[in-house]
Amino acid sequence: MQIVGCQLHISLNCRILSNNKIINQKTTTMSIVKVIEVISSSEKSFDDAVEQAVKESSKTIRNIDSVWVKDMKVHVKDGKIKSYGVICKVSFRLDGEKKKKKKD
């Protein structure tokens, strides 16, 4: 999976002219957040299943901000819970600048 990062640059028009000089100008940089869906399971608990989702996602994704548990379920065999499953929405900020390759 390849993710292309970017940032949104907003220039707020907060210019106050006094004697033809700009007194106040603000520029705000906002991060772009991407959300992916991850399915994870554990034989221990729902909490462990969420921890596994974060652990595995962190191997390939940087800047994880939050995880929302969308759905939960258990797998049952012979009247006993065998595993706990979760569907998570993982939110992370995309990098704003492209990495420059080093010249050899």
N, C-alpha and C. Protein backbone atom coordinates (compact mmCIF):
# COMPACT_ATOMS: atom_id res chain seq x y z
N MET A 1 0.84 -1.16 0.00
CA MET A 1 0.00 0.00 0.00
C MET A 1 0.90 1.24 0.00
N GLN A 2 0.63 2.17 -0.88
CA GLN A 2 1.40 3.41 -0.94
C GLN A 2 0.46 4.55 -0.62
N ILE A 3 0.89 5.41 0.29
CA ILE A 3 0.08 6.55 0.69
C ILE A 3 0.85 7.81 0.32
N VAL A 4 0.20 8.70 -0.38
CA VAL A 4 0.84 9.95 -0.77
C VAL A 4 0.39 11.01 0.23
N GLY A 5 1.35 11.68 0.87
CA GLY A 5 1.03 12.67 1.88
C GLY A 5 0.94 14.07 1.31
N CYS A 6 0.18 14.89 2.00
CA CYS A 6 0.06 16.29 1.62
C CYS A 6 -0.44 17.08 2.81
N GLN A 7 -0.34 18.38 2.73
CA GLN A 7 -0.89 19.26 3.75
C GLN A 7 -1.73 20.32 3.07
N LEU A 8 -2.70 20.81 3.78
CA LEU A 8 -3.55 21.86 3.28
C LEU A 8 -3.06 23.17 3.85
N HIS A 9 -2.71 24.10 2.98
CA HIS A 9 -2.24 25.40 3.42
C HIS A 9 -3.36 26.41 3.21
N ILE A 10 -3.73 27.09 4.28
CA ILE A 10 -4.80 28.08 4.20
C ILE A 10 -4.23 29.43 4.58
N SER A 11 -4.40 30.39 3.71
CA SER A 11 -4.00 31.75 4.03
C SER A 11 -5.26 32.51 4.43
N LEU A 12 -5.29 32.93 5.66
CA LEU A 12 -6.42 33.71 6.14
C LEU A 12 -6.17 35.17 5.79
N ASN A 13 -7.14 35.78 5.17
CA ASN A 13 -6.97 37.17 4.77
C ASN A 13 -7.22 38.10 5.95
N CYS A 14 -6.26 38.18 6.82
CA CYS A 14 -6.34 39.03 8.00
C CYS A 14 -5.36 40.18 7.85
N ARG A 15 -5.43 40.86 6.75
CA ARG A 15 -4.50 41.95 6.49
C ARG A 15 -5.14 43.28 6.90
N ILE A 16 -4.41 44.02 7.64
CA ILE A 16 -4.85 45.36 8.03
C ILE A 16 -3.81 46.32 7.48
N LEU A 17 -4.25 47.19 6.60
CA LEU A 17 -3.32 48.11 5.98
C LEU A 17 -3.24 49.40 6.78
N SER A 18 -2.04 49.82 7.08
CA SER A 18 -1.79 51.08 7.75
C SER A 18 -0.57 51.69 7.10
N ASN A 19 -0.74 52.80 6.46
CA ASN A 19 0.34 53.45 5.72
C ASN A 19 0.95 52.49 4.70
N ASN A 20 0.06 51.72 4.02
CA ASN A 20 0.46 50.77 2.98
C ASN A 20 1.37 49.65 3.49
N LYS A 21 1.31 49.34 4.76
CA LYS A 21 2.08 48.24 5.32
C LYS A 21 1.12 47.19 5.87
N ILE A 22 1.51 45.92 5.73
CA ILE A 22 0.69 44.83 6.27
C ILE A 22 1.01 44.70 7.75
N ILE A 23 0.00 44.84 8.59
CA ILE A 23 0.21 44.74 10.03
C ILE A 23 0.06 43.30 10.50
N ASN A 24 -0.95 42.61 10.00
CA ASN A 24 -1.24 41.26 10.51
C ASN A 24 -1.62 40.35 9.36
N GLN A 25 -0.92 39.24 9.22
CA GLN A 25 -1.26 38.22 8.25
C GLN A 25 -0.99 36.87 8.89
N LYS A 26 -1.99 35.99 8.87
CA LYS A 26 -1.84 34.68 9.48
C LYS A 26 -1.88 33.61 8.40
N THR A 27 -1.04 32.60 8.54
CA THR A 27 -1.08 31.43 7.66
C THR A 27 -1.19 30.20 8.55
N THR A 28 -2.16 29.37 8.26
CA THR A 28 -2.41 28.18 9.05
C THR A 28 -2.15 26.94 8.20
N THR A 29 -1.47 25.96 8.77
CA THR A 29 -1.24 24.70 8.10
C THR A 29 -2.06 23.63 8.81
N MET A 30 -2.89 22.93 8.05
CA MET A 30 -3.74 21.88 8.62
C MET A 30 -3.27 20.53 8.09
N SER A 31 -3.23 19.56 8.97
CA SER A 31 -2.85 18.21 8.55
C SER A 31 -4.03 17.52 7.88
N ILE A 32 -3.72 16.64 6.96
CA ILE A 32 -4.72 15.80 6.33
C ILE A 32 -4.70 14.47 7.08
N VAL A 33 -5.88 13.99 7.45
CA VAL A 33 -6.00 12.75 8.20
C VAL A 33 -6.63 11.69 7.31
N LYS A 34 -6.04 10.51 7.29
CA LYS A 34 -6.57 9.38 6.53
C LYS A 34 -7.12 8.36 7.52
N VAL A 35 -8.19 7.68 7.12
CA VAL A 35 -8.80 6.66 7.96
C VAL A 35 -8.84 5.35 7.19
N ILE A 36 -8.33 4.29 7.83
CA ILE A 36 -8.40 2.95 7.23
C ILE A 36 -9.16 2.03 8.17
N GLU A 37 -9.66 0.95 7.62
CA GLU A 37 -10.38 -0.03 8.43
C GLU A 37 -9.50 -1.26 8.61
N VAL A 38 -9.40 -1.73 9.85
CA VAL A 38 -8.55 -2.86 10.20
C VAL A 38 -9.39 -3.88 10.97
N ILE A 39 -9.22 -5.15 10.65
CA ILE A 39 -9.90 -6.23 11.37
C ILE A 39 -8.84 -6.99 12.16
N SER A 40 -9.12 -7.22 13.44
CA SER A 40 -8.14 -7.88 14.30
C SER A 40 -8.87 -8.85 15.24
N SER A 41 -8.11 -9.84 15.73
CA SER A 41 -8.72 -10.79 16.67
C SER A 41 -7.71 -11.19 17.74
N SER A 42 -8.24 -11.72 18.83
CA SER A 42 -7.41 -12.17 19.95
C SER A 42 -8.14 -13.30 20.66
N GLU A 43 -7.37 -14.21 21.23
CA GLU A 43 -7.96 -15.27 22.05
C GLU A 43 -8.15 -14.81 23.49
N LYS A 44 -7.61 -13.62 23.85
CA LYS A 44 -7.66 -13.14 25.23
C LYS A 44 -8.88 -12.27 25.53
N SER A 45 -9.03 -11.15 24.76
CA SER A 45 -10.09 -10.18 25.07
C SER A 45 -10.28 -9.19 23.92
N PHE A 46 -11.35 -8.38 24.03
CA PHE A 46 -11.56 -7.31 23.05
C PHE A 46 -10.43 -6.28 23.14
N ASP A 47 -10.04 -5.95 24.36
CA ASP A 47 -8.95 -4.98 24.55
C ASP A 47 -7.67 -5.45 23.84
N ASP A 48 -7.37 -6.72 23.98
CA ASP A 48 -6.17 -7.25 23.34
C ASP A 48 -6.31 -7.23 21.82
N ALA A 49 -7.50 -7.47 21.32
CA ALA A 49 -7.72 -7.41 19.87
C ALA A 49 -7.47 -5.99 19.35
N VAL A 50 -7.90 -4.97 20.10
CA VAL A 50 -7.65 -3.58 19.70
C VAL A 50 -6.16 -3.29 19.77
N GLU A 51 -5.50 -3.75 20.83
CA GLU A 51 -4.05 -3.55 20.95
C GLU A 51 -3.31 -4.19 19.77
N GLN A 52 -3.75 -5.36 19.35
CA GLN A 52 -3.13 -6.03 18.21
C GLN A 52 -3.35 -5.23 16.92
N ALA A 53 -4.53 -4.63 16.77
CA ALA A 53 -4.81 -3.81 15.60
C ALA A 53 -3.85 -2.62 15.54
N VAL A 54 -3.64 -1.97 16.69
CA VAL A 54 -2.72 -0.82 16.75
C VAL A 54 -1.29 -1.27 16.51
N LYS A 55 -0.91 -2.37 17.13
CA LYS A 55 0.47 -2.88 16.98
C LYS A 55 0.79 -3.21 15.52
N GLU A 56 -0.10 -3.91 14.85
CA GLU A 56 0.13 -4.29 13.46
C GLU A 56 0.08 -3.08 12.53
N SER A 57 -0.86 -2.17 12.77
CA SER A 57 -0.96 -0.97 11.94
C SER A 57 0.28 -0.10 12.08
N SER A 58 0.82 -0.04 13.28
CA SER A 58 2.00 0.79 13.55
C SER A 58 3.26 0.30 12.83
N LYS A 59 3.25 -0.94 12.37
CA LYS A 59 4.41 -1.47 11.66
C LYS A 59 4.60 -0.80 10.30
N THR A 60 3.51 -0.35 9.69
CA THR A 60 3.61 0.25 8.36
C THR A 60 3.06 1.68 8.28
N ILE A 61 2.41 2.13 9.33
CA ILE A 61 1.79 3.46 9.32
C ILE A 61 2.37 4.30 10.45
N ARG A 62 2.73 5.56 10.11
CA ARG A 62 3.21 6.51 11.12
C ARG A 62 2.07 7.47 11.49
N ASN A 63 2.26 8.18 12.58
CA ASN A 63 1.37 9.28 12.98
C ASN A 63 -0.06 8.83 13.30
N ILE A 64 -0.23 7.65 13.90
CA ILE A 64 -1.57 7.20 14.29
C ILE A 64 -2.06 8.10 15.42
N ASP A 65 -3.26 8.68 15.22
CA ASP A 65 -3.85 9.58 16.21
C ASP A 65 -4.90 8.91 17.08
N SER A 66 -5.73 8.07 16.46
CA SER A 66 -6.82 7.47 17.21
C SER A 66 -7.32 6.20 16.54
N VAL A 67 -8.04 5.42 17.34
CA VAL A 67 -8.66 4.18 16.84
C VAL A 67 -10.09 4.16 17.36
N TRP A 68 -11.03 3.99 16.45
CA TRP A 68 -12.44 3.88 16.81
C TRP A 68 -12.87 2.45 16.55
N VAL A 69 -13.44 1.79 17.57
CA VAL A 69 -13.91 0.42 17.41
C VAL A 69 -15.31 0.48 16.79
N LYS A 70 -15.40 0.06 15.55
CA LYS A 70 -16.65 0.12 14.79
C LYS A 70 -17.59 -1.04 15.15
N ASP A 71 -17.00 -2.22 15.35
CA ASP A 71 -17.82 -3.41 15.61
C ASP A 71 -17.01 -4.42 16.42
N MET A 72 -17.73 -5.24 17.17
CA MET A 72 -17.11 -6.27 18.00
C MET A 72 -17.90 -7.57 17.82
N LYS A 73 -17.19 -8.69 17.86
CA LYS A 73 -17.88 -9.98 17.82
C LYS A 73 -17.01 -11.03 18.47
N VAL A 74 -17.63 -12.14 18.84
CA VAL A 74 -16.88 -13.27 19.38
C VAL A 74 -17.17 -14.49 18.53
N HIS A 75 -16.19 -15.37 18.44
CA HIS A 75 -16.36 -16.66 17.78
C HIS A 75 -16.57 -17.69 18.87
N VAL A 76 -17.61 -18.50 18.71
CA VAL A 76 -17.99 -19.47 19.75
C VAL A 76 -17.87 -20.88 19.20
N LYS A 77 -17.34 -21.79 20.03
CA LYS A 77 -17.26 -23.20 19.65
C LYS A 77 -17.60 -24.02 20.89
N ASP A 78 -18.52 -24.94 20.73
CA ASP A 78 -18.97 -25.81 21.82
C ASP A 78 -19.42 -25.01 23.04
N GLY A 79 -20.10 -23.89 22.79
CA GLY A 79 -20.65 -23.08 23.88
C GLY A 79 -19.62 -22.22 24.60
N LYS A 80 -18.41 -22.13 24.11
CA LYS A 80 -17.37 -21.32 24.75
C LYS A 80 -16.79 -20.32 23.75
N ILE A 81 -16.40 -19.16 24.27
CA ILE A 81 -15.77 -18.14 23.43
C ILE A 81 -14.37 -18.60 23.06
N LYS A 82 -14.10 -18.65 21.76
CA LYS A 82 -12.78 -19.06 21.28
C LYS A 82 -11.91 -17.86 20.90
N SER A 83 -12.53 -16.80 20.38
CA SER A 83 -11.75 -15.60 20.05
C SER A 83 -12.65 -14.37 20.01
N TYR A 84 -12.01 -13.22 20.20
CA TYR A 84 -12.68 -11.93 20.20
C TYR A 84 -12.22 -11.18 18.95
N GLY A 85 -13.16 -10.60 18.23
CA GLY A 85 -12.81 -9.88 17.01
C GLY A 85 -13.31 -8.44 17.05
N VAL A 86 -12.55 -7.54 16.44
CA VAL A 86 -12.94 -6.14 16.35
C VAL A 86 -12.70 -5.63 14.93
N ILE A 87 -13.52 -4.70 14.53
CA ILE A 87 -13.30 -3.94 13.30
C ILE A 87 -13.02 -2.52 13.77
N CYS A 88 -11.84 -2.00 13.43
CA CYS A 88 -11.41 -0.69 13.91
C CYS A 88 -11.20 0.28 12.75
N LYS A 89 -11.47 1.54 13.00
CA LYS A 89 -11.14 2.63 12.09
C LYS A 89 -9.91 3.31 12.67
N VAL A 90 -8.78 3.23 11.97
CA VAL A 90 -7.52 3.80 12.42
C VAL A 90 -7.30 5.13 11.69
N SER A 91 -7.14 6.22 12.46
CA SER A 91 -6.92 7.55 11.90
C SER A 91 -5.46 7.94 12.07
N PHE A 92 -4.88 8.48 11.01
CA PHE A 92 -3.48 8.92 11.09
C PHE A 92 -3.26 10.12 10.18
N ARG A 93 -2.31 10.98 10.58
CA ARG A 93 -1.96 12.17 9.82
C ARG A 93 -0.98 11.80 8.71
N LEU A 94 -1.21 12.32 7.54
CA LEU A 94 -0.30 12.10 6.43
C LEU A 94 0.87 13.07 6.54
N ASP A 95 2.05 12.62 6.09
CA ASP A 95 3.23 13.48 6.09
C ASP A 95 3.01 14.62 5.10
N GLY A 96 3.50 15.81 5.48
CA GLY A 96 3.28 16.98 4.65
C GLY A 96 4.29 17.17 3.56
N GLU A 97 5.48 16.66 3.73
CA GLU A 97 6.53 16.89 2.75
C GLU A 97 7.02 15.57 2.20
N LYS A 98 7.29 15.57 0.90
CA LYS A 98 7.85 14.37 0.29
C LYS A 98 9.30 14.25 0.72
N LYS A 99 9.71 13.06 1.00
CA LYS A 99 11.09 12.81 1.39
C LYS A 99 12.00 12.94 0.17
N LYS A 100 13.10 13.64 0.33
CA LYS A 100 14.05 13.78 -0.76
C LYS A 100 15.00 12.59 -0.74
N LYS A 101 15.23 12.03 -1.92
CA LYS A 101 16.15 10.90 -2.03
C LYS A 101 17.58 11.41 -1.99
N LYS A 102 18.41 10.68 -1.29
CA LYS A 102 19.83 11.04 -1.24
C LYS A 102 20.49 10.65 -2.54
N LYS A 103 21.33 11.55 -3.04
CA LYS A 103 22.08 11.25 -4.25
C LYS A 103 23.36 10.51 -3.87
N ASP A 104 23.61 9.43 -4.58
CA ASP A 104 24.83 8.64 -4.32
C ASP A 104 26.00 9.19 -5.08
